[in-house]
Amino acid sequence: MSSTRMIKANGIDFLIREQGQGPLVVLCHGWPELSYSWRHQIPALADAGFHVVAPDMRGYGQTTAPPEVAAYSIFDTVGDIVGLVQALGETRAMVVGHDWGAPVAWHAALFRPDIFTAVAGLSVPPPFRGRGKPLDLLRQNGITNFYWQYFQKPGVAEAELERDVGHTMRVVLGGRGLADPSAAMFVHEDKGFLGHGSPEEPLPAWLSEADLAYFTDAFRKSGFRGGLNWYRNIDRNWELTAPWQDAQIHQPSLFIAGSRDAVITGLIGAKRVNELERVLPNLRRKLIIEGAGHWVQQERPGEVNEALVSFLREAAR
């Protein structure tokens, strides 16, 4: 059974879920999620012989949410994971991330190969640092309503998402059963970010009302600003990572995604998934789970756990 506790790292306080003994594995969640998103992985990895730690990431849940937008850069979020490893009394760890947690995991492996000995990313491919700022490139391509853009102005998305947190979580986590999942990534002015979802839609089988209530309660208390501030550093992260242009991640790596995840089915995402080895020369496996969507470790825990256990055991040898 996992336990929770507070721990100080990188100058802020983290809530962590933890279970097991053995080599350290850190699990990094995405937006709008929590350490609870790893509830199926924590016991499975602990049973497989690992010390598993999943934090509420910076700005989420019971972890500190600094007020400044600038406090959510990739250097801050990777610094958090480095700090956690040290606070746990370890010098080495394997790191796994999903959604926004995946860039944290990939960059942790890129920036600190001396600490992070293996890396797995779920849903979001590794960093392919393009030739221009991501938000500039969107505008240059005539795109003005992508959700990244909608999230930029402080207060706008917060107002919509916090109006009815229960509705927000039901739509974002449970109600995206669209024929074209990528449609949910574009915001229509009169509908807002949540305009694609219907509160009447039944929850998917993988998300119970109790699960939804847990997420809803946490975000009612924390609000959404911390998580949205991650998006407000997208262009800044591009600037900060200039020294790693075309760098590779040489540690053993694993990539997992659902076949119906809009992050990997779009033009850019599909290209990146096809070219993973450019950044990951030591890629051990690319697992695309047929029929799964974006919340892959919650939707298909059996397949995800099996792949993670196999990969981490091999990497820990």
Protein backbone atom coordinates (compact mmCIF):
# COMPACT_ATOMS: atom_id res chain seq x y z
CA MET A 1 0.00 0.00 0.00
CA SER A 2 1.43 3.39 -0.95
CA SER A 3 1.79 6.12 1.66
CA THR A 4 1.95 9.90 1.28
CA ARG A 5 4.19 12.44 2.97
CA MET A 6 5.55 15.93 2.47
CA ILE A 7 9.19 16.40 1.51
CA LYS A 8 11.22 19.54 0.79
CA ALA A 9 13.23 19.66 -2.45
CA ASN A 10 14.58 22.44 -4.67
CA GLY A 11 13.26 25.03 -2.21
CA ILE A 12 9.58 23.96 -2.29
CA ASP A 13 7.38 21.40 -0.51
CA PHE A 14 6.20 18.31 -2.37
CA LEU A 15 3.49 15.82 -1.60
CA ILE A 16 4.81 12.41 -2.65
CA ARG A 17 3.19 8.98 -2.90
CA GLU A 18 5.68 6.25 -2.21
CA GLN A 19 5.87 2.49 -2.00
CA GLY A 20 8.44 -0.29 -2.17
CA GLN A 21 12.15 -0.80 -1.75
CA GLY A 22 14.91 -1.11 -4.31
CA PRO A 23 16.19 1.08 -7.13
CA LEU A 24 14.45 4.47 -7.18
CA VAL A 25 11.83 5.18 -9.87
CA VAL A 26 10.29 8.67 -10.04
CA LEU A 27 6.92 9.09 -11.80
CA CYS A 28 6.08 12.56 -13.19
CA HIS A 29 2.42 13.33 -14.00
CA GLY A 30 1.02 15.81 -16.52
CA TRP A 31 -1.82 18.34 -16.91
CA PRO A 32 -4.37 18.48 -15.33
CA GLU A 33 -3.41 15.55 -13.16
CA LEU A 34 -1.80 14.53 -9.87
CA SER A 35 0.41 11.82 -8.39
CA TYR A 36 -2.93 9.95 -8.09
CA SER A 37 -2.75 9.42 -11.88
CA TRP A 38 -0.09 6.76 -11.17
CA ARG A 39 -2.32 4.82 -8.72
CA HIS A 40 -2.16 1.68 -10.89
CA GLN A 41 1.60 1.87 -11.52
CA ILE A 42 2.86 2.52 -7.98
CA PRO A 43 1.90 -0.87 -6.46
CA ALA A 44 2.85 -2.80 -9.61
CA LEU A 45 6.34 -1.28 -9.73
CA ALA A 46 6.79 -1.65 -5.97
CA ASP A 47 5.84 -5.36 -6.23
CA ALA A 48 8.43 -5.68 -9.00
CA GLY A 49 11.21 -4.60 -6.63
CA PHE A 50 11.42 -0.81 -6.98
CA HIS A 51 11.21 2.16 -4.61
CA VAL A 52 8.51 4.16 -6.40
CA VAL A 53 7.96 7.86 -5.74
CA ALA A 54 5.29 9.94 -7.48
CA PRO A 55 5.14 13.63 -6.56
CA ASP A 56 2.34 16.08 -7.06
CA MET A 57 4.39 18.20 -9.47
CA ARG A 58 5.18 21.89 -8.95
CA GLY A 59 1.95 23.88 -8.93
CA TYR A 60 -0.33 20.88 -8.39
CA GLY A 61 -2.27 19.36 -5.50
CA GLN A 62 -0.56 19.83 -2.15
CA THR A 63 2.82 20.75 -3.64
CA THR A 64 3.91 24.40 -3.51
CA ALA A 65 2.63 26.58 -6.37
CA PRO A 66 4.96 29.57 -6.79
CA PRO A 67 3.01 32.63 -7.99
CA GLU A 68 5.48 33.73 -10.69
CA VAL A 69 5.00 32.41 -14.23
CA ALA A 70 8.79 32.29 -14.59
CA ALA A 71 9.03 29.70 -11.79
CA TYR A 72 7.72 26.93 -14.09
CA SER A 73 10.48 26.63 -16.69
CA ILE A 74 11.95 23.27 -17.70
CA PHE A 75 14.97 24.11 -15.52
CA ASP A 76 12.72 24.51 -12.48
CA THR A 77 10.73 21.34 -13.11
CA VAL A 78 13.80 19.20 -13.84
CA GLY A 79 15.51 20.81 -10.84
CA ASP A 80 12.59 19.56 -8.74
CA ILE A 81 13.22 15.95 -9.75
CA VAL A 82 16.98 16.27 -9.18
CA GLY A 83 16.19 17.76 -5.76
CA LEU A 84 13.75 14.95 -4.95
CA VAL A 85 16.34 12.28 -5.74
CA GLN A 86 18.77 14.01 -3.35
CA ALA A 87 16.10 14.55 -0.66
CA LEU A 88 15.33 10.83 -0.81
CA GLY A 89 18.99 10.10 -0.07
CA GLU A 90 19.76 8.66 -3.51
CA THR A 91 22.30 9.49 -6.22
CA ARG A 92 20.68 7.55 -9.08
CA ALA A 93 17.12 7.11 -10.31
CA MET A 94 15.07 6.01 -13.28
CA VAL A 95 12.48 8.53 -14.41
CA VAL A 96 9.08 8.09 -16.07
CA GLY A 97 6.80 10.89 -17.27
CA HIS A 98 3.39 11.28 -18.89
CA ASP A 99 2.03 14.33 -20.76
CA TRP A 100 3.88 17.40 -19.34
CA GLY A 101 5.75 14.99 -17.08
CA ALA A 102 7.30 13.42 -20.18
CA PRO A 103 9.31 16.52 -21.18
CA VAL A 104 10.47 16.69 -17.56
CA ALA A 105 11.62 13.06 -17.71
CA TRP A 106 13.27 13.46 -21.14
CA HIS A 107 15.08 16.65 -20.12
CA ALA A 108 16.11 15.17 -16.76
CA ALA A 109 17.84 12.38 -18.71
CA LEU A 110 19.30 14.92 -21.16
CA PHE A 111 20.57 17.39 -18.54
CA ARG A 112 21.74 14.92 -15.86
CA PRO A 113 22.78 11.56 -17.30
CA ASP A 114 24.92 11.14 -14.17
CA ILE A 115 21.73 10.83 -12.10
CA PHE A 116 19.05 9.45 -14.41
CA THR A 117 20.09 6.04 -15.69
CA ALA A 118 16.96 5.21 -17.73
CA VAL A 119 13.95 7.15 -19.00
CA ALA A 120 10.42 6.36 -20.17
CA GLY A 121 8.02 8.85 -21.73
CA LEU A 122 4.28 8.34 -22.14
CA SER A 123 2.25 10.20 -24.80
CA VAL A 124 4.76 13.00 -25.50
CA PRO A 125 7.82 12.20 -27.66
CA PRO A 126 11.31 13.38 -26.63
CA PRO A 127 12.55 16.93 -27.30
CA PHE A 128 13.02 17.70 -30.98
CA ARG A 129 14.09 21.31 -30.59
CA GLY A 130 12.77 23.03 -33.70
CA ARG A 131 14.21 26.04 -35.48
CA GLY A 132 11.84 28.55 -33.94
CA LYS A 133 9.71 29.28 -30.88
CA PRO A 134 6.69 26.95 -30.84
CA LEU A 135 4.11 29.73 -30.41
CA ASP A 136 5.72 31.78 -33.18
CA LEU A 137 5.61 28.77 -35.50
CA LEU A 138 1.89 28.27 -34.80
CA ARG A 139 1.17 31.89 -35.74
CA GLN A 140 3.34 31.67 -38.85
CA ASN A 141 1.27 28.67 -39.94
CA GLY A 142 -1.93 30.65 -39.53
CA ILE A 143 -3.03 28.90 -36.33
CA THR A 144 -4.48 31.21 -33.68
CA ASN A 145 -6.83 28.97 -31.68
CA PHE A 146 -4.60 26.09 -30.51
CA TYR A 147 -5.09 25.40 -26.81
CA TRP A 148 -1.46 26.35 -26.01
CA GLN A 149 -2.30 29.84 -27.27
CA TYR A 150 -5.55 30.02 -25.29
CA PHE A 151 -3.65 29.11 -22.11
CA GLN A 152 -1.10 31.95 -22.46
CA LYS A 153 -2.91 34.96 -20.99
CA PRO A 154 -3.04 34.63 -17.19
CA GLY A 155 -6.58 34.52 -15.88
CA VAL A 156 -8.45 33.58 -19.06
CA ALA A 157 -8.26 29.79 -18.92
CA GLU A 158 -8.33 29.87 -15.12
CA ALA A 159 -11.71 31.62 -15.17
CA GLU A 160 -13.22 29.03 -17.51
CA LEU A 161 -11.72 25.95 -15.84
CA GLU A 162 -12.47 27.08 -12.27
CA ARG A 163 -16.10 28.10 -12.95
CA ASP A 164 -17.22 24.50 -12.32
CA VAL A 165 -14.29 22.27 -11.46
CA GLY A 166 -16.38 19.09 -11.43
CA HIS A 167 -17.57 19.80 -14.99
CA THR A 168 -14.00 20.69 -16.07
CA MET A 169 -12.50 17.44 -14.82
CA ARG A 170 -15.37 15.37 -16.24
CA VAL A 171 -14.88 16.93 -19.70
CA VAL A 172 -11.06 16.97 -19.75
CA LEU A 173 -10.40 13.52 -18.27
CA GLY A 174 -13.55 11.63 -19.10
CA GLY A 175 -15.51 13.29 -21.84
CA ARG A 176 -13.26 13.48 -24.85
CA GLY A 177 -14.77 10.60 -26.79
CA LEU A 178 -14.59 12.52 -30.06
CA ALA A 179 -14.39 10.91 -33.50
CA ASP A 180 -11.38 13.18 -34.06
CA PRO A 181 -9.61 13.61 -30.68
CA SER A 182 -7.41 16.39 -32.07
CA ALA A 183 -10.52 18.60 -32.40
CA ALA A 184 -10.40 19.09 -28.62
CA MET A 185 -7.03 20.85 -29.00
CA PHE A 186 -8.58 23.80 -30.83
CA VAL A 187 -10.56 26.43 -28.96
CA HIS A 188 -13.57 28.11 -30.54
CA GLU A 189 -14.11 31.60 -29.21
CA ASP A 190 -17.76 31.15 -28.34
CA LYS A 191 -17.25 27.73 -26.74
CA GLY A 192 -13.97 28.01 -24.82
CA PHE A 193 -11.67 25.07 -24.10
CA LEU A 194 -14.45 22.91 -22.67
CA GLY A 195 -16.88 23.46 -25.53
CA HIS A 196 -16.33 20.01 -27.03
CA GLY A 197 -17.41 18.12 -23.92
CA SER A 198 -20.82 17.08 -22.74
CA PRO A 199 -21.48 16.67 -18.99
CA GLU A 200 -24.13 14.08 -19.85
CA GLU A 201 -21.58 11.78 -21.42
CA PRO A 202 -20.97 8.69 -19.23
CA LEU A 203 -17.50 8.32 -17.75
CA PRO A 204 -15.19 5.88 -19.52
CA ALA A 205 -14.76 2.50 -17.81
CA TRP A 206 -11.26 3.38 -16.57
CA LEU A 207 -12.41 6.47 -14.61
CA SER A 208 -14.73 5.95 -11.66
CA GLU A 209 -16.86 8.61 -10.00
CA ALA A 210 -14.58 8.25 -6.94
CA ASP A 211 -11.49 8.89 -9.11
CA LEU A 212 -13.15 11.94 -10.64
CA ALA A 213 -14.13 13.21 -7.20
CA TYR A 214 -10.51 12.93 -6.03
CA PHE A 215 -9.22 15.05 -8.93
CA THR A 216 -12.10 17.52 -8.58
CA ASP A 217 -11.53 18.06 -4.87
CA ALA A 218 -7.80 18.65 -5.37
CA PHE A 219 -8.28 21.20 -8.16
CA ARG A 220 -11.04 22.99 -6.25
CA LYS A 221 -8.47 23.60 -3.53
CA SER A 222 -5.46 24.42 -5.74
CA GLY A 223 -7.05 26.05 -8.78
CA PHE A 224 -5.47 25.64 -12.21
CA ARG A 225 -2.96 28.49 -12.33
CA GLY A 226 0.08 26.41 -11.34
CA GLY A 227 -0.49 23.85 -14.07
CA LEU A 228 -1.30 26.49 -16.70
CA ASN A 229 1.95 28.30 -15.90
CA TRP A 230 3.80 25.34 -17.39
CA TYR A 231 2.27 26.24 -20.77
CA ARG A 232 3.29 29.87 -20.31
CA ASN A 233 6.94 28.78 -20.46
CA ILE A 234 6.72 26.95 -23.81
CA ASP A 235 8.61 29.61 -25.79
CA ARG A 236 10.95 30.34 -22.87
CA ASN A 237 11.85 26.65 -22.63
CA TRP A 238 12.77 26.72 -26.31
CA GLU A 239 15.13 29.62 -25.61
CA LEU A 240 16.63 28.01 -22.49
CA THR A 241 17.37 24.70 -24.21
CA ALA A 242 19.43 26.23 -27.04
CA PRO A 243 22.63 24.54 -25.74
CA TRP A 244 21.01 21.13 -26.32
CA GLN A 245 20.11 21.69 -29.98
CA ASP A 246 20.18 18.27 -31.71
CA ALA A 247 21.43 16.56 -28.52
CA GLN A 248 20.64 12.88 -27.96
CA ILE A 249 19.53 10.94 -24.89
CA HIS A 250 21.83 7.91 -24.67
CA GLN A 251 20.37 6.11 -21.66
CA PRO A 252 18.03 3.14 -22.20
CA SER A 253 14.65 4.59 -23.15
CA LEU A 254 11.04 3.52 -23.65
CA PHE A 255 8.13 5.27 -25.38
CA ILE A 256 4.46 4.40 -24.80
CA ALA A 257 1.35 6.04 -26.25
CA GLY A 258 -2.23 5.25 -27.18
CA SER A 259 -3.11 4.92 -30.87
CA ARG A 260 -5.98 7.40 -30.37
CA ASP A 261 -3.89 10.02 -28.57
CA ALA A 262 -4.16 13.32 -30.47
CA VAL A 263 -0.63 14.23 -29.32
CA ILE A 264 0.85 11.53 -31.57
CA THR A 265 -1.74 11.35 -34.36
CA GLY A 266 -1.33 14.91 -35.61
CA LEU A 267 1.13 15.76 -38.35
CA ILE A 268 3.97 16.84 -36.05
CA GLY A 269 3.38 14.15 -33.43
CA ALA A 270 3.24 11.33 -35.97
CA LYS A 271 6.50 12.51 -37.55
CA ARG A 272 8.20 12.65 -34.16
CA VAL A 273 7.05 9.16 -33.22
CA ASN A 274 8.45 7.84 -36.50
CA GLU A 275 11.80 9.52 -35.79
CA LEU A 276 12.25 8.67 -32.10
CA GLU A 277 15.65 7.06 -32.70
CA ARG A 278 17.06 10.41 -33.83
CA VAL A 279 16.93 11.56 -30.21
CA LEU A 280 16.84 8.12 -28.53
CA PRO A 281 19.62 5.98 -30.02
CA ASN A 282 19.16 3.49 -27.15
CA LEU A 283 15.37 3.16 -27.55
CA ARG A 284 14.46 -0.29 -26.22
CA ARG A 285 10.81 -0.30 -27.22
CA LYS A 286 8.11 1.83 -28.82
CA LEU A 287 4.71 0.63 -27.63
CA ILE A 288 1.59 2.07 -29.29
CA ILE A 289 -1.44 0.66 -27.47
CA GLU A 290 -4.26 0.11 -29.92
CA GLY A 291 -7.48 1.92 -29.04
CA ALA A 292 -6.04 3.82 -26.06
CA GLY A 293 -6.30 7.59 -25.79
CA HIS A 294 -4.21 10.19 -24.02
CA TRP A 295 -4.57 9.07 -20.38
CA VAL A 296 -2.80 5.85 -21.24
CA GLN A 297 -1.49 4.72 -17.84
CA GLN A 298 -4.98 5.09 -16.37
CA GLU A 299 -6.81 3.69 -19.40
CA ARG A 300 -4.65 0.61 -19.95
CA PRO A 301 -2.69 -0.02 -16.72
CA GLY A 302 -2.05 -3.71 -17.42
CA GLU A 303 -0.17 -3.13 -20.67
CA VAL A 304 1.61 -0.02 -19.38
CA ASN A 305 2.70 -1.77 -16.16
CA GLU A 306 3.98 -4.81 -18.02
CA ALA A 307 6.04 -2.63 -20.38
CA LEU A 308 7.41 -0.47 -17.55
CA VAL A 309 8.35 -3.41 -15.31
CA SER A 310 10.12 -5.21 -18.14
CA PHE A 311 12.00 -2.08 -19.22
CA LEU A 312 12.98 -0.94 -15.71
CA ARG A 313 14.14 -4.42 -14.65
CA GLU A 314 16.37 -4.65 -17.69
CA ALA A 315 17.70 -1.12 -17.20
CA ALA A 316 18.40 -1.75 -13.49
CA ARG A 317 20.64 -4.76 -14.16
